[in-house]
Amino acid sequence: MSAKPLLTKQLILEKTSDGTYQRQCDRVWWGQGSLLGGYIQSLILAAMYQELQDESKPALTLHTQFLRPVTDGTIRIDVTVERAGRKLTNLHASLYSGDRLAAVASGLFGLQTTSHDFCDIEMPAYAQVSNGETPQLPNAGLDAHNHFDFYPRIGSFERGTGQARVAGWLQPSWQQSVNNELLALIADLWVPAAFHYWPNNVGVVGLDSYVQFRANPSQLSNSHGPLFLDLSTKQASNGYVDEDGLIWNSSGELLCQYRQMRLVLDM
C-alpha cells in the first residue's frame, strides 16, 4: 500500500459523535504563532465532506471567518447539515481550538452539469516551470512554506517593490493529486501581494475568506504539475486589506477563485 500524501494524512479526522470530528494537530502547517489559515480551511472542508458522504456533490463554495488563532493540539469541528436538497446541500461548521471557538464556516455543495458554460478570462501567459529551474522560498517565516516549491513570475518575495500584484507557479514538494482541500490550503499560502507596499514590521492576520471552487472532479483529477496563482490587492484602508486570487492548472483551466479580508498589524 502506498503512503498517503502529506496533506491527506494531515486531514484525517476521527468522528467522535454525530456531526463531531476531532484531530490532534501538530506544527506541520504552522504559520506565525498559529496554524496556517489555509490548513484550517482544508480541515473544515474535510469535515464537511465526511459529514456529507455524497461524492456526487463536490464543494462549490467555502466561506470561513477566523475568530482567534488555532494552535497545535486538540481541534474539534462540529458540522451541521442546514439543508439537503436534491441538487444542493448547505453545511455549517464550528472549529474549536482546545475548548475555544476559533473559526466558523459555511459550505455549499452541489451537483454539477454542463449548462451554458463559458470562461471569459485566460491564465496569464507566463513561462512554465523549466527543467532545472531553482524554486524560491518566501522569507515570511512560515514553516508551511517549506512543503511547497515557489516559482514567481510577477513580483518577488521582497518587501517594498510597490506592486500589489504577484503571480507564479506553486507545486507541492510531495506527490499530491489536485483536490479542493489542496486548493483551500493554497488559497492562503502565497505571501500577500500588499507586502510589496510595506516594510518588514507590518504584518496581517486573516479575518474572512471566501473560496469558490470552479472545477469539476474530472478537471481536478486531470490536473498534473504545478498550479498557477495570480493574486492582487485593490486597497488597504482603515486597518484592513483585501486580496483577490485565481488558481489555474498547467493546462490553463481555472480551478478556484478566492477573496480575503485581513487585519493589518504593526509587528
C-alpha atoms as a PDB file:
ATOM      1  CA  MET A   1       0.000   0.000   0.000  1.00  0.00           C
ATOM      2  CA  SER A   2       1.398   3.408  -0.981  1.00  0.00           C
ATOM      3  CA  ALA A   3       1.878   6.062   1.648  1.00  0.00           C
ATOM      4  CA  LYS A   4      -0.803   8.719   1.885  1.00  0.00           C
ATOM      5  CA  PRO A   5       0.147  12.176   0.568  1.00  0.00           C
ATOM      6  CA  LEU A   6       1.247  14.639   3.246  1.00  0.00           C
ATOM      7  CA  LEU A   7      -1.901  16.760   3.183  1.00  0.00           C
ATOM      8  CA  THR A   8      -4.177  13.706   3.099  1.00  0.00           C
ATOM      9  CA  LYS A   9      -2.544  12.395   6.282  1.00  0.00           C
ATOM     10  CA  GLN A  10      -2.916  15.792   7.929  1.00  0.00           C
ATOM     11  CA  LEU A  11      -6.658  15.880   7.204  1.00  0.00           C
ATOM     12  CA  ILE A  12      -7.576  12.570   8.866  1.00  0.00           C
ATOM     13  CA  LEU A  13     -10.349  13.259  11.373  1.00  0.00           C
ATOM     14  CA  GLU A  14     -11.860  10.991  13.994  1.00  0.00           C
ATOM     15  CA  LYS A  15     -15.648  11.016  14.184  1.00  0.00           C
ATOM     16  CA  THR A  16     -16.418  11.141  17.905  1.00  0.00           C
ATOM     17  CA  SER A  17     -20.217  11.547  17.669  1.00  0.00           C
ATOM     18  CA  ASP A  18     -22.868  12.578  15.154  1.00  0.00           C
ATOM     19  CA  GLY A  19     -21.589  15.674  13.365  1.00  0.00           C
ATOM     20  CA  THR A  20     -18.459  15.981  15.526  1.00  0.00           C
ATOM     21  CA  TYR A  21     -14.885  15.403  14.318  1.00  0.00           C
ATOM     22  CA  GLN A  22     -11.592  15.672  16.163  1.00  0.00           C
ATOM     23  CA  ARG A  23      -7.854  15.711  15.485  1.00  0.00           C
ATOM     24  CA  GLN A  24      -4.589  16.188  17.339  1.00  0.00           C
ATOM     25  CA  CYS A  25      -2.781  18.802  15.258  1.00  0.00           C
ATOM     26  CA  ASP A  26       0.977  19.194  15.146  1.00  0.00           C
ATOM     27  CA  ARG A  27       3.009  22.009  13.567  1.00  0.00           C
ATOM     28  CA  VAL A  28       3.396  20.658  10.043  1.00  0.00           C
ATOM     29  CA  TRP A  29       1.224  23.539   8.766  1.00  0.00           C
ATOM     30  CA  TRP A  30       2.499  26.203  11.150  1.00  0.00           C
ATOM     31  CA  GLY A  31       2.303  29.879  10.284  1.00  0.00           C
ATOM     32  CA  GLN A  32       3.414  32.700  12.562  1.00  0.00           C
ATOM     33  CA  GLY A  33       2.315  31.639  16.019  1.00  0.00           C
ATOM     34  CA  SER A  34      -0.663  29.546  14.871  1.00  0.00           C
ATOM     35  CA  LEU A  35      -1.783  27.006  12.320  1.00  0.00           C
ATOM     36  CA  LEU A  36      -1.995  28.326   8.760  1.00  0.00           C
ATOM     37  CA  GLY A  37      -5.433  29.679   7.859  1.00  0.00           C
ATOM     38  CA  GLY A  38      -5.439  27.687   4.629  1.00  0.00           C
ATOM     39  CA  TYR A  39      -4.919  24.478   6.591  1.00  0.00           C
ATOM     40  CA  ILE A  40      -7.863  25.404   8.820  1.00  0.00           C
ATOM     41  CA  GLN A  41      -9.974  25.804   5.674  1.00  0.00           C
ATOM     42  CA  SER A  42      -8.842  22.380   4.465  1.00  0.00           C
ATOM     43  CA  LEU A  43      -9.689  20.755   7.815  1.00  0.00           C
ATOM     44  CA  ILE A  44     -13.161  22.275   7.797  1.00  0.00           C
ATOM     45  CA  LEU A  45     -13.726  21.189   4.212  1.00  0.00           C
ATOM     46  CA  ALA A  46     -12.577  17.636   5.043  1.00  0.00           C
ATOM     47  CA  ALA A  47     -15.011  17.508   7.979  1.00  0.00           C
ATOM     48  CA  MET A  48     -17.850  18.736   5.768  1.00  0.00           C
ATOM     49  CA  TYR A  49     -17.103  16.094   3.134  1.00  0.00           C
ATOM     50  CA  GLN A  50     -17.022  13.411   5.832  1.00  0.00           C
ATOM     51  CA  GLU A  51     -20.383  14.543   7.185  1.00  0.00           C
ATOM     52  CA  LEU A  52     -21.963  14.875   3.728  1.00  0.00           C
ATOM     53  CA  GLN A  53     -20.962  11.397   2.480  1.00  0.00           C
ATOM     54  CA  ASP A  54     -22.023  12.204  -1.096  1.00  0.00           C
ATOM     55  CA  GLU A  55     -19.312  12.173  -3.770  1.00  0.00           C
ATOM     56  CA  SER A  56     -21.803  13.374  -6.377  1.00  0.00           C
ATOM     57  CA  LYS A  57     -21.857  16.794  -4.687  1.00  0.00           C
ATOM     58  CA  PRO A  58     -18.395  18.401  -4.700  1.00  0.00           C
ATOM     59  CA  ALA A  59     -17.760  21.633  -2.828  1.00  0.00           C
ATOM     60  CA  LEU A  60     -18.831  24.782  -4.672  1.00  0.00           C
ATOM     61  CA  THR A  61     -18.018  27.424  -2.042  1.00  0.00           C
ATOM     62  CA  LEU A  62     -16.421  27.725   1.389  1.00  0.00           C
ATOM     63  CA  HIS A  63     -16.809  30.879   3.477  1.00  0.00           C
ATOM     64  CA  THR A  64     -14.667  30.981   6.626  1.00  0.00           C
ATOM     65  CA  GLN A  65     -14.324  33.580   9.368  1.00  0.00           C
ATOM     66  CA  PHE A  66     -11.354  33.295  11.722  1.00  0.00           C
ATOM     67  CA  LEU A  67     -12.154  34.325  15.294  1.00  0.00           C
ATOM     68  CA  ARG A  68      -8.853  33.580  17.038  1.00  0.00           C
ATOM     69  CA  PRO A  69      -5.569  31.752  16.365  1.00  0.00           C
ATOM     70  CA  VAL A  70      -5.724  27.962  16.115  1.00  0.00           C
ATOM     71  CA  THR A  71      -2.853  26.344  17.993  1.00  0.00           C
ATOM     72  CA  ASP A  72      -1.405  22.849  17.826  1.00  0.00           C
ATOM     73  CA  GLY A  73      -3.154  20.286  19.995  1.00  0.00           C
ATOM     74  CA  THR A  74      -6.764  19.183  20.007  1.00  0.00           C
ATOM     75  CA  ILE A  75      -9.160  20.676  17.475  1.00  0.00           C
ATOM     76  CA  ARG A  76     -12.845  19.818  17.249  1.00  0.00           C
ATOM     77  CA  ILE A  77     -15.136  20.526  14.322  1.00  0.00           C
ATOM     78  CA  ASP A  78     -18.906  20.443  14.721  1.00  0.00           C
ATOM     79  CA  VAL A  79     -20.704  20.109  11.370  1.00  0.00           C
ATOM     80  CA  THR A  80     -24.416  20.683  10.779  1.00  0.00           C
ATOM     81  CA  VAL A  81     -26.313  19.970   7.570  1.00  0.00           C
ATOM     82  CA  GLU A  82     -28.541  23.025   7.310  1.00  0.00           C
ATOM     83  CA  ARG A  83     -30.392  21.838   4.209  1.00  0.00           C
ATOM     84  CA  ALA A  84     -30.051  18.773   1.997  1.00  0.00           C
ATOM     85  CA  GLY A  85     -31.816  19.158  -1.349  1.00  0.00           C
ATOM     86  CA  ARG A  86     -31.802  17.081  -4.491  1.00  0.00           C
ATOM     87  CA  LYS A  87     -29.149  19.248  -6.141  1.00  0.00           C
ATOM     88  CA  LEU A  88     -27.622  21.407  -3.383  1.00  0.00           C
ATOM     89  CA  THR A  89     -26.613  20.865   0.243  1.00  0.00           C
ATOM     90  CA  ASN A  90     -25.714  23.613   2.719  1.00  0.00           C
ATOM     91  CA  LEU A  91     -23.460  22.888   5.693  1.00  0.00           C
ATOM     92  CA  HIS A  92     -22.215  24.890   8.670  1.00  0.00           C
ATOM     93  CA  ALA A  93     -19.102  24.171  10.730  1.00  0.00           C
ATOM     94  CA  SER A  94     -17.652  25.473  14.000  1.00  0.00           C
ATOM     95  CA  LEU A  95     -13.996  24.754  14.739  1.00  0.00           C
ATOM     96  CA  TYR A  96     -12.716  24.754  18.312  1.00  0.00           C
ATOM     97  CA  SER A  97      -9.053  25.022  19.272  1.00  0.00           C
ATOM     98  CA  GLY A  98      -8.890  23.408  22.667  1.00  0.00           C
ATOM     99  CA  ASP A  99     -12.301  24.380  24.005  1.00  0.00           C
ATOM    100  CA  ARG A 100     -12.432  27.834  22.418  1.00  0.00           C
ATOM    101  CA  LEU A 101     -14.377  28.663  19.266  1.00  0.00           C
ATOM    102  CA  ALA A 102     -11.741  29.673  16.709  1.00  0.00           C
ATOM    103  CA  ALA A 103     -13.433  29.611  13.273  1.00  0.00           C
ATOM    104  CA  VAL A 104     -16.883  29.330  11.736  1.00  0.00           C
ATOM    105  CA  ALA A 105     -17.658  28.374   8.165  1.00  0.00           C
ATOM    106  CA  SER A 106     -20.450  27.708   5.714  1.00  0.00           C
ATOM    107  CA  GLY A 107     -20.133  25.467   2.692  1.00  0.00           C
ATOM    108  CA  LEU A 108     -22.241  24.906  -0.412  1.00  0.00           C
ATOM    109  CA  PHE A 109     -22.030  21.505  -2.115  1.00  0.00           C
ATOM    110  CA  GLY A 110     -23.865  20.588  -5.292  1.00  0.00           C
ATOM    111  CA  LEU A 111     -24.323  18.504  -8.409  1.00  0.00           C
ATOM    112  CA  GLN A 112     -22.540  19.848 -11.473  1.00  0.00           C
ATOM    113  CA  THR A 113     -23.945  19.940 -15.003  1.00  0.00           C
ATOM    114  CA  THR A 114     -22.935  21.429 -18.338  1.00  0.00           C
ATOM    115  CA  SER A 115     -25.275  24.342 -18.948  1.00  0.00           C
ATOM    116  CA  HIS A 116     -24.369  27.465 -20.955  1.00  0.00           C
ATOM    117  CA  ASP A 117     -20.732  27.263 -19.815  1.00  0.00           C
ATOM    118  CA  PHE A 118     -18.134  29.899 -20.688  1.00  0.00           C
ATOM    119  CA  CYS A 119     -14.950  31.359 -19.200  1.00  0.00           C
ATOM    120  CA  ASP A 120     -14.174  34.965 -20.105  1.00  0.00           C
ATOM    121  CA  ILE A 121     -10.723  35.085 -18.538  1.00  0.00           C
ATOM    122  CA  GLU A 122      -7.450  33.461 -19.554  1.00  0.00           C
ATOM    123  CA  MET A 123      -4.473  32.442 -17.485  1.00  0.00           C
ATOM    124  CA  PRO A 124      -1.638  34.983 -17.859  1.00  0.00           C
ATOM    125  CA  ALA A 125       0.894  33.858 -20.460  1.00  0.00           C
ATOM    126  CA  TYR A 126       3.989  33.418 -18.301  1.00  0.00           C
ATOM    127  CA  ALA A 127       6.674  30.789 -18.758  1.00  0.00           C
ATOM    128  CA  GLN A 128       6.046  27.313 -17.395  1.00  0.00           C
ATOM    129  CA  VAL A 129       8.452  25.838 -14.870  1.00  0.00           C
ATOM    130  CA  SER A 130      11.539  24.733 -16.788  1.00  0.00           C
ATOM    131  CA  ASN A 131      13.689  21.703 -16.114  1.00  0.00           C
ATOM    132  CA  GLY A 132      16.365  22.599 -13.630  1.00  0.00           C
ATOM    133  CA  GLU A 133      14.708  25.851 -12.543  1.00  0.00           C
ATOM    134  CA  THR A 134      15.511  26.556  -8.901  1.00  0.00           C
ATOM    135  CA  PRO A 135      12.484  27.257  -6.702  1.00  0.00           C
ATOM    136  CA  GLN A 136      12.447  30.271  -4.409  1.00  0.00           C
ATOM    137  CA  LEU A 137      11.474  30.127  -0.743  1.00  0.00           C
ATOM    138  CA  PRO A 138       9.436  33.010   0.705  1.00  0.00           C
ATOM    139  CA  ASN A 139      11.116  34.838   3.558  1.00  0.00           C
ATOM    140  CA  ALA A 140       7.894  35.219   5.566  1.00  0.00           C
ATOM    141  CA  GLY A 141       8.888  32.846   8.367  1.00  0.00           C
ATOM    142  CA  LEU A 142       6.092  30.298   7.794  1.00  0.00           C
ATOM    143  CA  ASP A 143       7.032  26.663   8.330  1.00  0.00           C
ATOM    144  CA  ALA A 144       4.179  25.711   5.972  1.00  0.00           C
ATOM    145  CA  HIS A 145       6.093  27.248   3.055  1.00  0.00           C
ATOM    146  CA  ASN A 146       8.723  24.504   3.362  1.00  0.00           C
ATOM    147  CA  HIS A 147       6.301  21.968   1.885  1.00  0.00           C
ATOM    148  CA  PHE A 148       5.983  23.719  -1.494  1.00  0.00           C
ATOM    149  CA  ASP A 149       8.199  24.897  -4.342  1.00  0.00           C
ATOM    150  CA  PHE A 150       7.551  28.502  -5.422  1.00  0.00           C
ATOM    151  CA  TYR A 151       8.375  29.925  -8.861  1.00  0.00           C
ATOM    152  CA  PRO A 152       7.446  33.647  -9.002  1.00  0.00           C
ATOM    153  CA  ARG A 153       6.589  35.218 -12.352  1.00  0.00           C
ATOM    154  CA  ILE A 154       5.169  38.612 -11.303  1.00  0.00           C
ATOM    155  CA  GLY A 155       6.741  40.321  -8.325  1.00  0.00           C
ATOM    156  CA  SER A 156       9.029  38.631  -5.843  1.00  0.00           C
ATOM    157  CA  PHE A 157       9.203  37.835  -2.144  1.00  0.00           C
ATOM    158  CA  GLU A 158      10.999  41.095  -1.371  1.00  0.00           C
ATOM    159  CA  ARG A 159       9.284  43.920   0.507  1.00  0.00           C
ATOM    160  CA  GLY A 160       8.909  47.448  -0.772  1.00  0.00           C
ATOM    161  CA  THR A 161       8.716  46.889  -4.535  1.00  0.00           C
ATOM    162  CA  GLY A 162       5.429  48.811  -4.730  1.00  0.00           C
ATOM    163  CA  GLN A 163       3.342  46.422  -6.844  1.00  0.00           C
ATOM    164  CA  ALA A 164       0.244  44.937  -5.227  1.00  0.00           C
ATOM    165  CA  ARG A 165       0.055  42.038  -7.651  1.00  0.00           C
ATOM    166  CA  VAL A 166       2.001  38.794  -7.551  1.00  0.00           C
ATOM    167  CA  ALA A 167       1.777  35.615  -9.584  1.00  0.00           C
ATOM    168  CA  GLY A 168       3.686  32.432 -10.098  1.00  0.00           C
ATOM    169  CA  TRP A 169       3.783  28.650 -10.107  1.00  0.00           C
ATOM    170  CA  LEU A 170       3.391  26.584  -6.973  1.00  0.00           C
ATOM    171  CA  GLN A 171       3.967  22.864  -6.561  1.00  0.00           C
ATOM    172  CA  PRO A 172       3.736  20.587  -3.506  1.00  0.00           C
ATOM    173  CA  SER A 173       7.077  19.036  -2.598  1.00  0.00           C
ATOM    174  CA  TRP A 174       5.273  15.687  -2.166  1.00  0.00           C
ATOM    175  CA  GLN A 175       3.184  13.639  -4.595  1.00  0.00           C
ATOM    176  CA  GLN A 176      -0.344  15.055  -4.401  1.00  0.00           C
ATOM    177  CA  SER A 177      -3.267  14.915  -6.791  1.00  0.00           C
ATOM    178  CA  VAL A 178      -5.210  18.161  -7.000  1.00  0.00           C
ATOM    179  CA  ASN A 179      -8.418  18.303  -4.965  1.00  0.00           C
ATOM    180  CA  ASN A 180     -10.490  21.015  -3.330  1.00  0.00           C
ATOM    181  CA  GLU A 181      -8.783  20.501   0.025  1.00  0.00           C
ATOM    182  CA  LEU A 182      -5.430  21.347  -1.588  1.00  0.00           C
ATOM    183  CA  LEU A 183      -6.939  24.409  -3.284  1.00  0.00           C
ATOM    184  CA  ALA A 184      -8.377  25.590   0.049  1.00  0.00           C
ATOM    185  CA  LEU A 185      -4.914  25.275   1.582  1.00  0.00           C
ATOM    186  CA  ILE A 186      -3.005  27.192  -1.059  1.00  0.00           C
ATOM    187  CA  ALA A 187      -5.678  29.915  -1.198  1.00  0.00           C
ATOM    188  CA  ASP A 188      -3.925  31.227   1.932  1.00  0.00           C
ATOM    189  CA  LEU A 189      -0.313  30.273   1.232  1.00  0.00           C
ATOM    190  CA  TRP A 190       1.449  32.755  -1.073  1.00  0.00           C
ATOM    191  CA  VAL A 191       2.937  35.852   0.544  1.00  0.00           C
ATOM    192  CA  PRO A 192       0.276  38.627   0.428  1.00  0.00           C
ATOM    193  CA  ALA A 193       0.541  40.966  -2.546  1.00  0.00           C
ATOM    194  CA  ALA A 194       0.193  44.002  -0.249  1.00  0.00           C
ATOM    195  CA  PHE A 195       3.536  43.169   1.401  1.00  0.00           C
ATOM    196  CA  HIS A 196       5.219  44.835  -1.578  1.00  0.00           C
ATOM    197  CA  TYR A 197       3.994  48.174  -0.227  1.00  0.00           C
ATOM    198  CA  TRP A 198       5.092  47.671   3.368  1.00  0.00           C
ATOM    199  CA  PRO A 199       8.318  47.316   5.356  1.00  0.00           C
ATOM    200  CA  ASN A 200       9.148  44.203   7.362  1.00  0.00           C
ATOM    201  CA  ASN A 201       7.474  45.436  10.556  1.00  0.00           C
ATOM    202  CA  VAL A 202       3.956  45.286   9.039  1.00  0.00           C
ATOM    203  CA  GLY A 203       2.018  42.022   9.142  1.00  0.00           C
ATOM    204  CA  VAL A 204      -1.501  40.723   8.571  1.00  0.00           C
ATOM    205  CA  VAL A 205      -3.974  38.377  10.237  1.00  0.00           C
ATOM    206  CA  GLY A 206      -6.679  36.627   8.214  1.00  0.00           C
ATOM    207  CA  LEU A 207     -10.255  37.507   9.187  1.00  0.00           C
ATOM    208  CA  ASP A 208     -12.583  36.425   6.400  1.00  0.00           C
ATOM    209  CA  SER A 209     -12.060  34.134   3.395  1.00  0.00           C
ATOM    210  CA  TYR A 210     -14.452  33.207   0.597  1.00  0.00           C
ATOM    211  CA  VAL A 211     -13.396  30.456  -1.818  1.00  0.00           C
ATOM    212  CA  GLN A 212     -15.241  29.391  -4.976  1.00  0.00           C
ATOM    213  CA  PHE A 213     -14.253  26.013  -6.407  1.00  0.00           C
ATOM    214  CA  ARG A 214     -14.689  26.257 -10.168  1.00  0.00           C
ATOM    215  CA  ALA A 215     -13.510  22.846 -11.384  1.00  0.00           C
ATOM    216  CA  ASN A 216     -15.377  19.581 -11.678  1.00  0.00           C
ATOM    217  CA  PRO A 217     -13.867  16.336 -10.336  1.00  0.00           C
ATOM    218  CA  SER A 218     -12.571  15.262 -13.770  1.00  0.00           C
ATOM    219  CA  GLN A 219     -10.736  18.587 -14.207  1.00  0.00           C
ATOM    220  CA  LEU A 220      -9.103  18.131 -10.806  1.00  0.00           C
ATOM    221  CA  SER A 221      -8.102  14.520 -11.427  1.00  0.00           C
ATOM    222  CA  ASN A 222      -6.530  15.540 -14.755  1.00  0.00           C
ATOM    223  CA  SER A 223      -4.606  18.463 -13.258  1.00  0.00           C
ATOM    224  CA  HIS A 224      -0.953  17.486 -13.117  1.00  0.00           C
ATOM    225  CA  GLY A 225       2.150  19.515 -12.449  1.00  0.00           C
ATOM    226  CA  PRO A 226       2.362  22.914 -10.760  1.00  0.00           C
ATOM    227  CA  LEU A 227      -0.552  25.309 -10.243  1.00  0.00           C
ATOM    228  CA  PHE A 228      -0.515  28.971 -11.243  1.00  0.00           C
ATOM    229  CA  LEU A 229      -1.635  31.606  -8.721  1.00  0.00           C
ATOM    230  CA  ASP A 230      -2.484  35.209  -9.620  1.00  0.00           C
ATOM    231  CA  LEU A 231      -3.061  37.492  -6.610  1.00  0.00           C
ATOM    232  CA  SER A 232      -3.893  41.189  -6.411  1.00  0.00           C
ATOM    233  CA  THR A 233      -4.823  43.770  -3.780  1.00  0.00           C
ATOM    234  CA  LYS A 234      -7.037  46.722  -4.617  1.00  0.00           C
ATOM    235  CA  GLN A 235      -6.815  48.716  -1.389  1.00  0.00           C
ATOM    236  CA  ALA A 236      -5.545  48.812   2.171  1.00  0.00           C
ATOM    237  CA  SER A 237      -7.550  51.230   4.320  1.00  0.00           C
ATOM    238  CA  ASN A 238      -8.865  51.735   7.832  1.00  0.00           C
ATOM    239  CA  GLY A 239      -6.634  48.973   9.175  1.00  0.00           C
ATOM    240  CA  TYR A 240      -7.764  46.262   6.741  1.00  0.00           C
ATOM    241  CA  VAL A 241      -6.509  44.936   3.410  1.00  0.00           C
ATOM    242  CA  ASP A 242      -8.158  42.835   0.692  1.00  0.00           C
ATOM    243  CA  GLU A 243      -6.770  40.210  -1.666  1.00  0.00           C
ATOM    244  CA  ASP A 244      -8.287  38.509  -4.720  1.00  0.00           C
ATOM    245  CA  GLY A 245      -6.829  35.284  -6.076  1.00  0.00           C
ATOM    246  CA  LEU A 246      -7.161  32.936  -9.042  1.00  0.00           C
ATOM    247  CA  ILE A 247      -5.729  29.418  -9.224  1.00  0.00           C
ATOM    248  CA  TRP A 248      -5.181  27.682 -12.574  1.00  0.00           C
ATOM    249  CA  ASN A 249      -3.790  24.321 -13.604  1.00  0.00           C
ATOM    250  CA  SER A 250      -0.923  23.988 -16.068  1.00  0.00           C
ATOM    251  CA  SER A 251      -3.413  23.455 -18.928  1.00  0.00           C
ATOM    252  CA  GLY A 252      -4.899  26.916 -18.353  1.00  0.00           C
ATOM    253  CA  GLU A 253      -8.146  25.765 -16.715  1.00  0.00           C
ATOM    254  CA  LEU A 254      -9.482  27.937 -13.902  1.00  0.00           C
ATOM    255  CA  LEU A 255      -9.815  25.804 -10.751  1.00  0.00           C
ATOM    256  CA  CYS A 256     -10.517  28.266  -7.974  1.00  0.00           C
ATOM    257  CA  GLN A 257     -11.298  31.899  -7.154  1.00  0.00           C
ATOM    258  CA  TYR A 258     -10.999  33.414  -3.694  1.00  0.00           C
ATOM    259  CA  ARG A 259     -11.164  36.671  -1.797  1.00  0.00           C
ATOM    260  CA  GLN A 260      -9.747  37.540   1.619  1.00  0.00           C
ATOM    261  CA  MET A 261     -10.013  40.337   4.156  1.00  0.00           C
ATOM    262  CA  ARG A 262      -7.101  40.689   6.572  1.00  0.00           C
ATOM    263  CA  LEU A 263      -6.323  42.837   9.594  1.00  0.00           C
ATOM    264  CA  VAL A 264      -3.174  44.981   9.223  1.00  0.00           C
ATOM    265  CA  LEU A 265      -0.788  44.860  12.200  1.00  0.00           C
ATOM    266  CA  ASP A 266       2.356  46.686  13.296  1.00  0.00           C
ATOM    267  CA  MET A 267       4.701  43.901  14.384  1.00  0.00           C
END
